[in-house]
Amino acid sequence: MDPCAMPRVYRPDLGVLRPCNPILACGLVAGEVGRWTSSSSSERTTWRKPEVGWMKLNFDGSRNDATGAASIGGAFRDHEGAFVAGYAERMIVGGASSFTAELAALRRGLELAARYGWRRVWAEGDSRAVVDVVHGVRSEEDRRQCGEIAALLPALDGVAVSHLCRDENKVAHGFAKLGHKARRRRVWHAVPPNEVLVFLQRDADRG
């Protein structure tokens, strides 16, 4: 596929996912049409609202080192910072790494975006390895997750990914923690769980 035909985001602090090989490549848009540069140095230190027409997805994976259990979670917010939807679930794969859980959280978020017709998604997580996913694929399970993410991209008009410091990703982290308790896949619409309310308000007030 011609990279010039892929969706672009004209903001230099966002990474852009594009399926240029079986593993997703991650690059940064460099200001003008057609210019692509690879970089992993950009990191957001505060949460920010997306632009009008975009949905912000914050995702996170959680792993209990004592039990080896892993869970995922994430939240969607609009250009006003309002909560739109969130998700949480336990991973079936036993002994999943934190990296695999982060990939699964991103995959599930993009899956929901495609299902609900949110065509432009700014995905943000606190795992540098996931943002630099082309360099981070290690296990067979990681390759499977990346393949499933790549398969979702044609259903979306634009997907951007960026890295956010962990302390600013507390909404997604809260959903991932809820995933450890979930007996089945959970999706919240419009009304978020109490566990993340304070962090949603914090982000909305300053984002």
N, C-alpha and C. Protein backbone atom coordinates (compact mmCIF):
# COMPACT_ATOMS: atom_id res chain seq x y z
N MET A 1 0.84 -1.19 0.00
CA MET A 1 0.00 0.00 0.00
C MET A 1 0.87 1.24 0.00
N ASP A 2 0.52 2.22 -0.79
CA ASP A 2 1.27 3.46 -0.89
C ASP A 2 1.11 4.27 0.39
N PRO A 3 2.22 4.58 1.12
CA PRO A 3 2.10 5.35 2.36
C PRO A 3 1.43 6.70 2.13
N CYS A 4 1.57 7.26 0.93
CA CYS A 4 0.97 8.57 0.66
C CYS A 4 -0.55 8.49 0.62
N ALA A 5 -1.10 7.26 0.49
CA ALA A 5 -2.54 7.11 0.45
C ALA A 5 -3.13 6.91 1.84
N MET A 6 -2.27 6.76 2.86
CA MET A 6 -2.75 6.52 4.20
C MET A 6 -3.19 7.83 4.86
N PRO A 7 -4.10 7.75 5.85
CA PRO A 7 -4.54 8.96 6.55
C PRO A 7 -3.37 9.62 7.26
N ARG A 8 -3.41 10.95 7.38
CA ARG A 8 -2.35 11.68 8.05
C ARG A 8 -2.94 12.55 9.16
N VAL A 9 -2.13 12.83 10.13
CA VAL A 9 -2.51 13.75 11.20
C VAL A 9 -1.48 14.85 11.20
N TYR A 10 -1.89 16.08 11.00
CA TYR A 10 -0.94 17.17 10.85
C TYR A 10 -0.56 17.77 12.20
N ARG A 11 -0.01 16.95 13.08
CA ARG A 11 0.49 17.43 14.36
C ARG A 11 1.74 16.63 14.68
N PRO A 12 2.86 17.28 14.88
CA PRO A 12 4.14 16.58 15.00
C PRO A 12 4.32 15.79 16.27
N ASP A 13 3.41 15.92 17.25
CA ASP A 13 3.59 15.19 18.50
C ASP A 13 2.85 13.86 18.49
N LEU A 14 2.22 13.50 17.37
CA LEU A 14 1.46 12.25 17.29
C LEU A 14 2.15 11.26 16.38
N GLY A 15 2.18 10.01 16.80
CA GLY A 15 2.68 8.96 15.94
C GLY A 15 1.54 8.45 15.08
N VAL A 16 1.83 7.97 13.90
CA VAL A 16 0.78 7.51 12.99
C VAL A 16 1.00 6.05 12.65
N LEU A 17 0.02 5.23 12.96
CA LEU A 17 0.09 3.82 12.63
C LEU A 17 -0.21 3.64 11.15
N ARG A 18 0.60 2.86 10.47
CA ARG A 18 0.33 2.56 9.06
C ARG A 18 0.84 1.15 8.76
N PRO A 19 0.01 0.32 8.11
CA PRO A 19 0.36 -1.08 7.88
C PRO A 19 1.31 -1.25 6.70
N CYS A 20 2.57 -0.79 6.84
CA CYS A 20 3.49 -0.88 5.71
C CYS A 20 4.24 -2.20 5.71
N ASN A 21 4.04 -3.04 6.73
CA ASN A 21 4.58 -4.39 6.74
C ASN A 21 3.72 -5.22 7.69
N PRO A 22 3.95 -6.53 7.81
CA PRO A 22 3.10 -7.35 8.66
C PRO A 22 3.06 -6.88 10.11
N ILE A 23 4.13 -6.22 10.55
CA ILE A 23 4.14 -5.62 11.87
C ILE A 23 3.89 -4.14 11.68
N LEU A 24 3.12 -3.52 12.55
CA LEU A 24 2.81 -2.11 12.38
C LEU A 24 4.04 -1.25 12.54
N ALA A 25 4.19 -0.29 11.64
CA ALA A 25 5.25 0.70 11.79
C ALA A 25 4.68 1.91 12.49
N CYS A 26 5.52 2.59 13.24
CA CYS A 26 5.09 3.78 13.94
C CYS A 26 6.02 4.91 13.57
N GLY A 27 5.47 6.01 13.04
CA GLY A 27 6.30 7.15 12.67
C GLY A 27 5.66 8.43 13.11
N LEU A 28 6.32 9.53 12.88
CA LEU A 28 5.77 10.84 13.21
C LEU A 28 5.55 11.64 11.94
N VAL A 29 4.42 12.30 11.87
CA VAL A 29 4.15 13.17 10.74
C VAL A 29 4.99 14.42 10.89
N ALA A 30 5.68 14.79 9.83
CA ALA A 30 6.63 15.90 9.91
C ALA A 30 6.11 17.14 9.22
N GLY A 31 4.89 17.51 9.51
CA GLY A 31 4.43 18.84 9.13
C GLY A 31 3.81 18.99 7.77
N GLU A 32 4.32 18.35 6.74
CA GLU A 32 3.77 18.57 5.42
C GLU A 32 3.38 17.25 4.78
N VAL A 33 2.50 17.32 3.80
CA VAL A 33 1.99 16.12 3.15
C VAL A 33 3.14 15.30 2.57
N GLY A 34 3.09 14.00 2.84
CA GLY A 34 4.06 13.10 2.22
C GLY A 34 5.36 12.93 2.98
N ARG A 35 5.61 13.76 4.00
CA ARG A 35 6.87 13.61 4.74
C ARG A 35 6.63 12.74 5.97
N TRP A 36 7.35 11.64 6.04
CA TRP A 36 7.23 10.72 7.16
C TRP A 36 8.60 10.55 7.79
N THR A 37 8.68 10.64 9.10
CA THR A 37 9.94 10.38 9.79
C THR A 37 9.69 9.45 10.95
N SER A 38 10.63 8.57 11.21
CA SER A 38 10.53 7.67 12.36
C SER A 38 11.16 8.34 13.56
N SER A 39 10.46 8.26 14.67
CA SER A 39 10.98 8.86 15.89
C SER A 39 10.31 8.23 17.08
N SER A 40 11.02 8.18 18.19
CA SER A 40 10.43 7.66 19.43
C SER A 40 10.69 8.62 20.58
N SER A 41 11.09 9.85 20.28
CA SER A 41 11.49 10.77 21.32
C SER A 41 10.34 11.59 21.89
N SER A 42 9.21 11.65 21.17
CA SER A 42 8.11 12.49 21.61
C SER A 42 7.35 11.83 22.76
N GLU A 43 7.12 12.59 23.83
CA GLU A 43 6.34 12.08 24.94
C GLU A 43 5.51 13.20 25.53
N ARG A 44 4.22 12.96 25.66
CA ARG A 44 3.36 13.94 26.27
C ARG A 44 3.45 13.81 27.78
N THR A 45 3.49 14.95 28.47
CA THR A 45 3.56 14.93 29.92
C THR A 45 2.23 15.29 30.55
N THR A 46 1.28 15.79 29.77
CA THR A 46 -0.07 16.06 30.27
C THR A 46 -1.09 15.56 29.26
N TRP A 47 -2.22 15.11 29.77
CA TRP A 47 -3.29 14.63 28.90
C TRP A 47 -3.90 15.81 28.15
N ARG A 48 -4.29 15.58 26.89
CA ARG A 48 -4.86 16.64 26.08
C ARG A 48 -6.08 16.14 25.31
N LYS A 49 -7.06 17.00 25.15
CA LYS A 49 -8.26 16.67 24.39
C LYS A 49 -7.93 16.55 22.90
N PRO A 50 -8.69 15.74 22.18
CA PRO A 50 -8.48 15.65 20.73
C PRO A 50 -9.14 16.83 20.02
N GLU A 51 -8.86 16.98 18.76
CA GLU A 51 -9.51 18.01 17.96
C GLU A 51 -10.93 17.56 17.59
N VAL A 52 -11.74 18.50 17.17
CA VAL A 52 -13.10 18.18 16.73
C VAL A 52 -13.05 17.15 15.61
N GLY A 53 -13.90 16.15 15.69
CA GLY A 53 -13.93 15.11 14.68
C GLY A 53 -13.09 13.89 15.02
N TRP A 54 -12.31 14.00 16.10
CA TRP A 54 -11.48 12.88 16.54
C TRP A 54 -11.96 12.36 17.88
N MET A 55 -11.75 11.06 18.11
CA MET A 55 -12.03 10.44 19.39
C MET A 55 -10.70 10.11 20.06
N LYS A 56 -10.58 10.43 21.32
CA LYS A 56 -9.35 10.13 22.07
C LYS A 56 -9.53 8.79 22.79
N LEU A 57 -8.62 7.87 22.53
CA LEU A 57 -8.60 6.58 23.20
C LEU A 57 -7.36 6.49 24.06
N ASN A 58 -7.57 6.36 25.37
CA ASN A 58 -6.45 6.04 26.26
C ASN A 58 -6.58 4.59 26.65
N PHE A 59 -5.50 3.84 26.51
CA PHE A 59 -5.54 2.40 26.75
C PHE A 59 -4.44 2.00 27.73
N ASP A 60 -4.64 0.84 28.37
CA ASP A 60 -3.63 0.37 29.32
C ASP A 60 -3.79 -1.14 29.51
N GLY A 61 -2.67 -1.79 29.77
CA GLY A 61 -2.66 -3.20 30.13
C GLY A 61 -2.11 -3.34 31.53
N SER A 62 -2.63 -4.32 32.26
CA SER A 62 -2.20 -4.52 33.64
C SER A 62 -1.85 -5.99 33.86
N ARG A 63 -0.74 -6.23 34.55
CA ARG A 63 -0.32 -7.60 34.83
C ARG A 63 -0.01 -7.75 36.31
N ASN A 64 -0.56 -8.79 36.93
CA ASN A 64 -0.27 -9.12 38.32
C ASN A 64 0.92 -10.06 38.34
N ASP A 65 2.07 -9.57 38.79
CA ASP A 65 3.29 -10.38 38.76
C ASP A 65 3.18 -11.61 39.64
N ALA A 66 2.40 -11.53 40.71
CA ALA A 66 2.29 -12.65 41.64
C ALA A 66 1.51 -13.81 41.04
N THR A 67 0.46 -13.50 40.29
CA THR A 67 -0.39 -14.55 39.73
C THR A 67 -0.18 -14.76 38.24
N GLY A 68 0.42 -13.78 37.57
CA GLY A 68 0.59 -13.87 36.12
C GLY A 68 -0.64 -13.47 35.35
N ALA A 69 -1.73 -13.11 36.07
CA ALA A 69 -2.96 -12.71 35.40
C ALA A 69 -2.81 -11.32 34.78
N ALA A 70 -3.44 -11.13 33.63
CA ALA A 70 -3.37 -9.84 32.94
C ALA A 70 -4.76 -9.36 32.58
N SER A 71 -4.91 -8.05 32.51
CA SER A 71 -6.19 -7.46 32.13
C SER A 71 -5.93 -6.23 31.29
N ILE A 72 -6.98 -5.76 30.63
CA ILE A 72 -6.85 -4.59 29.77
C ILE A 72 -8.00 -3.63 30.04
N GLY A 73 -7.80 -2.38 29.64
CA GLY A 73 -8.86 -1.39 29.79
C GLY A 73 -8.56 -0.16 28.96
N GLY A 74 -9.57 0.67 28.80
CA GLY A 74 -9.38 1.89 28.04
C GLY A 74 -10.61 2.77 28.10
N ALA A 75 -10.45 4.01 27.67
CA ALA A 75 -11.55 4.97 27.69
C ALA A 75 -11.52 5.84 26.45
N PHE A 76 -12.71 6.16 25.94
CA PHE A 76 -12.88 7.07 24.81
C PHE A 76 -13.45 8.39 25.31
N ARG A 77 -12.86 9.50 24.83
CA ARG A 77 -13.37 10.82 25.16
C ARG A 77 -13.41 11.69 23.92
N ASP A 78 -14.35 12.64 23.90
CA ASP A 78 -14.52 13.50 22.73
C ASP A 78 -13.69 14.78 22.85
N HIS A 79 -13.91 15.70 21.90
CA HIS A 79 -13.09 16.92 21.84
C HIS A 79 -13.32 17.86 23.02
N GLU A 80 -14.38 17.62 23.79
CA GLU A 80 -14.61 18.42 24.98
C GLU A 80 -14.09 17.72 26.24
N GLY A 81 -13.52 16.56 26.06
CA GLY A 81 -13.03 15.79 27.20
C GLY A 81 -14.10 14.97 27.88
N ALA A 82 -15.30 14.92 27.30
CA ALA A 82 -16.41 14.18 27.89
C ALA A 82 -16.23 12.68 27.68
N PHE A 83 -16.56 11.90 28.69
CA PHE A 83 -16.48 10.45 28.61
C PHE A 83 -17.54 9.93 27.64
N VAL A 84 -17.13 9.07 26.72
CA VAL A 84 -18.04 8.49 25.74
C VAL A 84 -18.23 7.00 26.00
N ALA A 85 -17.14 6.29 26.24
CA ALA A 85 -17.23 4.85 26.50
C ALA A 85 -15.94 4.38 27.15
N GLY A 86 -16.04 3.24 27.83
CA GLY A 86 -14.87 2.62 28.42
C GLY A 86 -15.01 1.12 28.37
N TYR A 87 -13.91 0.41 28.53
CA TYR A 87 -13.95 -1.05 28.46
C TYR A 87 -12.93 -1.65 29.43
N ALA A 88 -13.21 -2.88 29.83
CA ALA A 88 -12.30 -3.61 30.73
C ALA A 88 -12.57 -5.10 30.58
N GLU A 89 -11.52 -5.89 30.65
CA GLU A 89 -11.67 -7.34 30.60
C GLU A 89 -10.40 -8.05 31.03
N ARG A 90 -10.56 -9.27 31.47
CA ARG A 90 -9.41 -10.12 31.77
C ARG A 90 -8.93 -10.78 30.50
N MET A 91 -7.62 -10.99 30.40
CA MET A 91 -7.07 -11.68 29.25
C MET A 91 -7.14 -13.18 29.47
N ILE A 92 -7.51 -13.89 28.42
CA ILE A 92 -7.60 -15.35 28.50
C ILE A 92 -6.23 -15.99 28.41
N VAL A 93 -5.32 -15.37 27.67
CA VAL A 93 -3.98 -15.91 27.49
C VAL A 93 -3.25 -15.94 28.82
N GLY A 94 -2.83 -17.11 29.26
CA GLY A 94 -2.12 -17.23 30.52
C GLY A 94 -0.69 -16.74 30.42
N GLY A 95 -0.23 -16.08 31.48
CA GLY A 95 1.16 -15.63 31.52
C GLY A 95 1.49 -14.55 30.52
N ALA A 96 0.51 -13.76 30.11
CA ALA A 96 0.76 -12.69 29.14
C ALA A 96 1.69 -11.64 29.75
N SER A 97 2.60 -11.12 28.94
CA SER A 97 3.50 -10.08 29.41
C SER A 97 2.76 -8.75 29.47
N SER A 98 3.37 -7.78 30.16
CA SER A 98 2.78 -6.44 30.21
C SER A 98 2.66 -5.86 28.80
N PHE A 99 3.68 -6.12 27.97
CA PHE A 99 3.67 -5.61 26.60
C PHE A 99 2.51 -6.19 25.81
N THR A 100 2.29 -7.51 25.95
CA THR A 100 1.18 -8.15 25.25
C THR A 100 -0.15 -7.58 25.72
N ALA A 101 -0.27 -7.33 27.03
CA ALA A 101 -1.50 -6.75 27.57
C ALA A 101 -1.74 -5.35 27.00
N GLU A 102 -0.68 -4.56 26.86
CA GLU A 102 -0.82 -3.22 26.29
C GLU A 102 -1.28 -3.31 24.83
N LEU A 103 -0.69 -4.23 24.07
CA LEU A 103 -1.11 -4.42 22.68
C LEU A 103 -2.58 -4.83 22.61
N ALA A 104 -2.98 -5.73 23.50
CA ALA A 104 -4.37 -6.20 23.51
C ALA A 104 -5.32 -5.07 23.86
N ALA A 105 -4.90 -4.18 24.75
CA ALA A 105 -5.74 -3.04 25.12
C ALA A 105 -5.94 -2.11 23.93
N LEU A 106 -4.87 -1.87 23.17
CA LEU A 106 -4.98 -1.05 21.96
C LEU A 106 -5.86 -1.73 20.93
N ARG A 107 -5.65 -3.03 20.72
CA ARG A 107 -6.46 -3.77 19.74
C ARG A 107 -7.95 -3.70 20.08
N ARG A 108 -8.29 -3.92 21.35
CA ARG A 108 -9.69 -3.90 21.76
C ARG A 108 -10.29 -2.51 21.57
N GLY A 109 -9.51 -1.48 21.88
CA GLY A 109 -10.01 -0.12 21.69
C GLY A 109 -10.31 0.19 20.23
N LEU A 110 -9.40 -0.19 19.34
CA LEU A 110 -9.63 0.05 17.91
C LEU A 110 -10.79 -0.79 17.40
N GLU A 111 -10.95 -1.98 17.95
CA GLU A 111 -12.07 -2.84 17.58
C GLU A 111 -13.40 -2.16 17.92
N LEU A 112 -13.48 -1.58 19.11
CA LEU A 112 -14.70 -0.89 19.52
C LEU A 112 -14.93 0.37 18.68
N ALA A 113 -13.85 1.09 18.37
CA ALA A 113 -13.97 2.28 17.54
C ALA A 113 -14.56 1.94 16.18
N ALA A 114 -14.06 0.86 15.58
CA ALA A 114 -14.58 0.43 14.28
C ALA A 114 -16.04 0.01 14.39
N ARG A 115 -16.39 -0.66 15.48
CA ARG A 115 -17.76 -1.14 15.67
C ARG A 115 -18.74 0.02 15.81
N TYR A 116 -18.34 1.07 16.53
CA TYR A 116 -19.25 2.18 16.80
C TYR A 116 -19.14 3.31 15.78
N GLY A 117 -18.31 3.13 14.77
CA GLY A 117 -18.23 4.11 13.71
C GLY A 117 -17.42 5.35 14.03
N TRP A 118 -16.51 5.25 14.99
CA TRP A 118 -15.61 6.37 15.29
C TRP A 118 -14.41 6.25 14.36
N ARG A 119 -14.42 7.02 13.31
CA ARG A 119 -13.51 6.79 12.20
C ARG A 119 -12.12 7.40 12.40
N ARG A 120 -12.01 8.37 13.29
CA ARG A 120 -10.71 8.99 13.54
C ARG A 120 -10.38 8.86 15.02
N VAL A 121 -9.30 8.18 15.30
CA VAL A 121 -8.97 7.84 16.69
C VAL A 121 -7.54 8.25 17.01
N TRP A 122 -7.39 9.00 18.07
CA TRP A 122 -6.07 9.30 18.62
C TRP A 122 -5.87 8.38 19.82
N ALA A 123 -5.05 7.37 19.66
CA ALA A 123 -4.80 6.39 20.72
C ALA A 123 -3.56 6.78 21.50
N GLU A 124 -3.65 6.68 22.82
CA GLU A 124 -2.53 7.11 23.65
C GLU A 124 -2.36 6.13 24.81
N GLY A 125 -1.12 5.69 25.02
CA GLY A 125 -0.83 4.78 26.11
C GLY A 125 0.48 5.14 26.77
N ASP A 126 0.76 4.48 27.91
CA ASP A 126 1.98 4.80 28.64
C ASP A 126 3.09 3.78 28.43
N SER A 127 2.93 2.90 27.45
CA SER A 127 3.97 1.93 27.12
C SER A 127 4.75 2.40 25.89
N ARG A 128 5.99 2.78 26.09
CA ARG A 128 6.83 3.22 24.98
C ARG A 128 6.99 2.10 23.96
N ALA A 129 7.07 0.85 24.44
CA ALA A 129 7.28 -0.28 23.53
C ALA A 129 6.13 -0.44 22.56
N VAL A 130 4.91 -0.14 23.01
CA VAL A 130 3.76 -0.26 22.12
C VAL A 130 3.76 0.87 21.10
N VAL A 131 4.10 2.07 21.54
CA VAL A 131 4.20 3.19 20.61
C VAL A 131 5.28 2.92 19.57
N ASP A 132 6.36 2.30 19.99
CA ASP A 132 7.44 1.91 19.07
C ASP A 132 7.28 0.44 18.68
N VAL A 133 6.05 0.06 18.34
CA VAL A 133 5.71 -1.35 18.21
C VAL A 133 6.53 -2.08 17.16
N VAL A 134 6.96 -1.40 16.15
CA VAL A 134 7.74 -2.08 15.11
C VAL A 134 9.04 -2.64 15.67
N HIS A 135 9.53 -2.04 16.75
CA HIS A 135 10.75 -2.53 17.38
C HIS A 135 10.47 -3.43 18.57
N GLY A 136 9.20 -3.53 18.96
CA GLY A 136 8.91 -4.20 20.21
C GLY A 136 8.33 -5.59 20.11
N VAL A 137 7.99 -6.06 18.90
CA VAL A 137 7.36 -7.36 18.78
C VAL A 137 8.35 -8.47 19.12
N ARG A 138 7.97 -9.32 20.06
CA ARG A 138 8.87 -10.37 20.50
C ARG A 138 8.24 -11.76 20.35
N SER A 139 7.13 -11.99 21.02
CA SER A 139 6.56 -13.33 21.06
C SER A 139 5.54 -13.54 19.95
N GLU A 140 5.15 -14.80 19.79
CA GLU A 140 4.13 -15.14 18.79
C GLU A 140 2.81 -14.44 19.12
N GLU A 141 2.47 -14.35 20.42
CA GLU A 141 1.25 -13.67 20.82
C GLU A 141 1.30 -12.19 20.46
N ASP A 142 2.46 -11.56 20.62
CA ASP A 142 2.60 -10.16 20.24
C ASP A 142 2.37 -9.98 18.74
N ARG A 143 2.91 -10.89 17.94
CA ARG A 143 2.73 -10.80 16.49
C ARG A 143 1.26 -10.96 16.12
N ARG A 144 0.57 -11.84 16.83
CA ARG A 144 -0.86 -12.03 16.57
C ARG A 144 -1.63 -10.75 16.87
N GLN A 145 -1.34 -10.13 18.02
CA GLN A 145 -2.02 -8.89 18.38
C GLN A 145 -1.77 -7.81 17.33
N CYS A 146 -0.51 -7.69 16.88
CA CYS A 146 -0.18 -6.68 15.87
C CYS A 146 -0.92 -6.93 14.57
N GLY A 147 -1.02 -8.20 14.19
CA GLY A 147 -1.74 -8.54 12.97
C GLY A 147 -3.21 -8.15 13.06
N GLU A 148 -3.81 -8.35 14.23
CA GLU A 148 -5.21 -8.00 14.42
C GLU A 148 -5.40 -6.48 14.41
N ILE A 149 -4.43 -5.75 14.96
CA ILE A 149 -4.50 -4.29 14.91
C ILE A 149 -4.42 -3.82 13.47
N ALA A 150 -3.49 -4.37 12.71
CA ALA A 150 -3.34 -3.99 11.30
C ALA A 150 -4.62 -4.26 10.51
N ALA A 151 -5.30 -5.36 10.83
CA ALA A 151 -6.52 -5.71 10.12
C ALA A 151 -7.65 -4.73 10.39
N LEU A 152 -7.58 -4.02 11.53
CA LEU A 152 -8.63 -3.06 11.88
C LEU A 152 -8.45 -1.71 11.18
N LEU A 153 -7.24 -1.39 10.78
CA LEU A 153 -6.95 -0.05 10.25
C LEU A 153 -7.77 0.33 9.02
N PRO A 154 -8.03 -0.59 8.07
CA PRO A 154 -8.82 -0.19 6.89
C PRO A 154 -10.23 0.29 7.24
N ALA A 155 -10.74 -0.09 8.42
CA ALA A 155 -12.08 0.33 8.81
C ALA A 155 -12.11 1.74 9.38
N LEU A 156 -10.93 2.35 9.53
CA LEU A 156 -10.83 3.67 10.14
C LEU A 156 -10.21 4.66 9.16
N ASP A 157 -10.63 5.92 9.25
CA ASP A 157 -10.10 6.95 8.35
C ASP A 157 -8.75 7.48 8.82
N GLY A 158 -8.49 7.43 10.10
CA GLY A 158 -7.23 7.92 10.63
C GLY A 158 -6.98 7.37 12.01
N VAL A 159 -5.77 6.91 12.26
CA VAL A 159 -5.38 6.41 13.58
C VAL A 159 -4.03 7.00 13.93
N ALA A 160 -3.96 7.73 15.02
CA ALA A 160 -2.70 8.28 15.50
C ALA A 160 -2.40 7.66 16.85
N VAL A 161 -1.13 7.50 17.16
CA VAL A 161 -0.75 6.95 18.46
C VAL A 161 0.35 7.79 19.07
N SER A 162 0.26 8.02 20.35
CA SER A 162 1.28 8.79 21.04
C SER A 162 1.53 8.21 22.43
N HIS A 163 2.66 8.59 23.00
CA HIS A 163 3.05 8.10 24.32
C HIS A 163 2.74 9.16 25.37
N LEU A 164 2.22 8.73 26.51
CA LEU A 164 1.88 9.61 27.61
C LEU A 164 2.49 9.04 28.88
N CYS A 165 3.03 9.91 29.74
CA CYS A 165 3.62 9.40 30.97
C CYS A 165 2.54 8.72 31.82
N ARG A 166 2.94 7.71 32.58
CA ARG A 166 2.01 6.85 33.28
C ARG A 166 1.09 7.61 34.23
N ASP A 167 1.62 8.62 34.89
CA ASP A 167 0.81 9.36 35.87
C ASP A 167 -0.35 10.10 35.21
N GLU A 168 -0.26 10.35 33.90
CA GLU A 168 -1.31 11.05 33.19
C GLU A 168 -2.28 10.08 32.50
N ASN A 169 -2.05 8.79 32.67
CA ASN A 169 -2.89 7.78 32.02
C ASN A 169 -3.76 7.04 33.03
N LYS A 170 -4.15 7.74 34.10
CA LYS A 170 -4.84 7.09 35.21
C LYS A 170 -6.25 6.61 34.86
N VAL A 171 -6.91 7.26 33.92
CA VAL A 171 -8.24 6.79 33.53
C VAL A 171 -8.16 5.40 32.92
N ALA A 172 -7.27 5.24 31.95
CA ALA A 172 -7.10 3.93 31.32
C ALA A 172 -6.60 2.90 32.33
N HIS A 173 -5.70 3.32 33.21
CA HIS A 173 -5.17 2.40 34.23
C HIS A 173 -6.30 1.93 35.15
N GLY A 174 -7.22 2.84 35.47
CA GLY A 174 -8.34 2.45 36.32
C GLY A 174 -9.22 1.41 35.66
N PHE A 175 -9.47 1.57 34.36
CA PHE A 175 -10.26 0.56 33.65
C PHE A 175 -9.51 -0.77 33.58
N ALA A 176 -8.20 -0.72 33.36
CA ALA A 176 -7.43 -1.96 33.30
C ALA A 176 -7.48 -2.70 34.64
N LYS A 177 -7.44 -1.97 35.74
CA LYS A 177 -7.55 -2.60 37.06
C LYS A 177 -8.91 -3.25 37.25
N LEU A 178 -9.96 -2.60 36.74
CA LEU A 178 -11.29 -3.19 36.81
C LEU A 178 -11.36 -4.49 36.02
N GLY A 179 -10.52 -4.59 35.00
CA GLY A 179 -10.50 -5.81 34.20
C GLY A 179 -10.11 -7.04 34.99
N HIS A 180 -9.28 -6.88 36.02
CA HIS A 180 -8.89 -8.02 36.84
C HIS A 180 -10.10 -8.63 37.55
N LYS A 181 -11.10 -7.80 37.84
CA LYS A 181 -12.29 -8.27 38.56
C LYS A 181 -13.40 -8.72 37.63
N ALA A 182 -13.27 -8.41 36.35
CA ALA A 182 -14.36 -8.67 35.40
C ALA A 182 -14.49 -10.16 35.10
N ARG A 183 -15.70 -10.66 35.18
CA ARG A 183 -15.96 -12.06 34.82
C ARG A 183 -16.24 -12.20 33.33
N ARG A 184 -16.50 -11.09 32.70
CA ARG A 184 -16.76 -11.07 31.26
C ARG A 184 -16.33 -9.71 30.72
N ARG A 185 -16.35 -9.57 29.43
CA ARG A 185 -16.04 -8.28 28.82
C ARG A 185 -17.04 -7.23 29.29
N ARG A 186 -16.52 -6.07 29.69
CA ARG A 186 -17.38 -4.98 30.12
C ARG A 186 -17.17 -3.76 29.23
N VAL A 187 -18.27 -3.13 28.87
CA VAL A 187 -18.21 -1.86 28.14
C VAL A 187 -19.19 -0.90 28.81
N TRP A 188 -18.70 0.29 29.15
CA TRP A 188 -19.53 1.33 29.74
C TRP A 188 -19.83 2.39 28.69
N HIS A 189 -21.08 2.85 28.62
CA HIS A 189 -21.46 3.90 27.68
C HIS A 189 -21.97 5.11 28.45
N ALA A 190 -21.39 6.26 28.17
CA ALA A 190 -21.84 7.56 28.69
C ALA A 190 -21.60 7.73 30.19
N VAL A 191 -21.92 6.72 30.99
CA VAL A 191 -21.76 6.82 32.45
C VAL A 191 -20.58 5.96 32.88
N PRO A 192 -19.49 6.56 33.35
CA PRO A 192 -18.31 5.80 33.73
C PRO A 192 -18.44 5.21 35.13
N PRO A 193 -17.63 4.22 35.46
CA PRO A 193 -17.62 3.67 36.82
C PRO A 193 -17.03 4.68 37.80
N ASN A 194 -17.42 4.57 39.06
CA ASN A 194 -16.97 5.52 40.08
C ASN A 194 -15.46 5.55 40.24
N GLU A 195 -14.81 4.44 39.96
CA GLU A 195 -13.38 4.33 40.19
C GLU A 195 -12.54 5.31 39.36
N VAL A 196 -13.09 5.81 38.27
CA VAL A 196 -12.30 6.69 37.40
C VAL A 196 -12.84 8.12 37.33
N LEU A 197 -13.88 8.42 38.07
CA LEU A 197 -14.54 9.72 37.96
C LEU A 197 -13.59 10.88 38.25
N VAL A 198 -12.82 10.77 39.32
CA VAL A 198 -11.95 11.89 39.71
C VAL A 198 -10.90 12.17 38.64
N PHE A 199 -10.40 11.12 38.00
CA PHE A 199 -9.38 11.30 36.96
C PHE A 199 -9.98 11.83 35.66
N LEU A 200 -11.20 11.41 35.35
CA LEU A 200 -11.89 11.96 34.18
C LEU A 200 -12.10 13.46 34.34
N GLN A 201 -12.51 13.87 35.53
CA GLN A 201 -12.74 15.28 35.79
C GLN A 201 -11.44 16.07 35.73
N ARG A 202 -10.38 15.50 36.28
CA ARG A 202 -9.08 16.16 36.24
C ARG A 202 -8.64 16.44 34.81
N ASP A 203 -8.76 15.43 33.96
CA ASP A 203 -8.34 15.59 32.56
C ASP A 203 -9.22 16.60 31.83
N ALA A 204 -10.54 16.52 32.06
CA ALA A 204 -11.46 17.42 31.36
C ALA A 204 -11.22 18.87 31.74
N ASP A 205 -10.86 19.10 32.99
CA ASP A 205 -10.66 20.47 33.47
C ASP A 205 -9.43 21.14 32.88
N ARG A 206 -8.42 20.35 32.58
CA ARG A 206 -7.18 20.97 32.13
C ARG A 206 -6.76 20.56 30.73
N GLY A 207 -7.47 19.59 30.11
CA GLY A 207 -7.07 19.09 28.80
C GLY A 207 -7.42 20.01 27.67
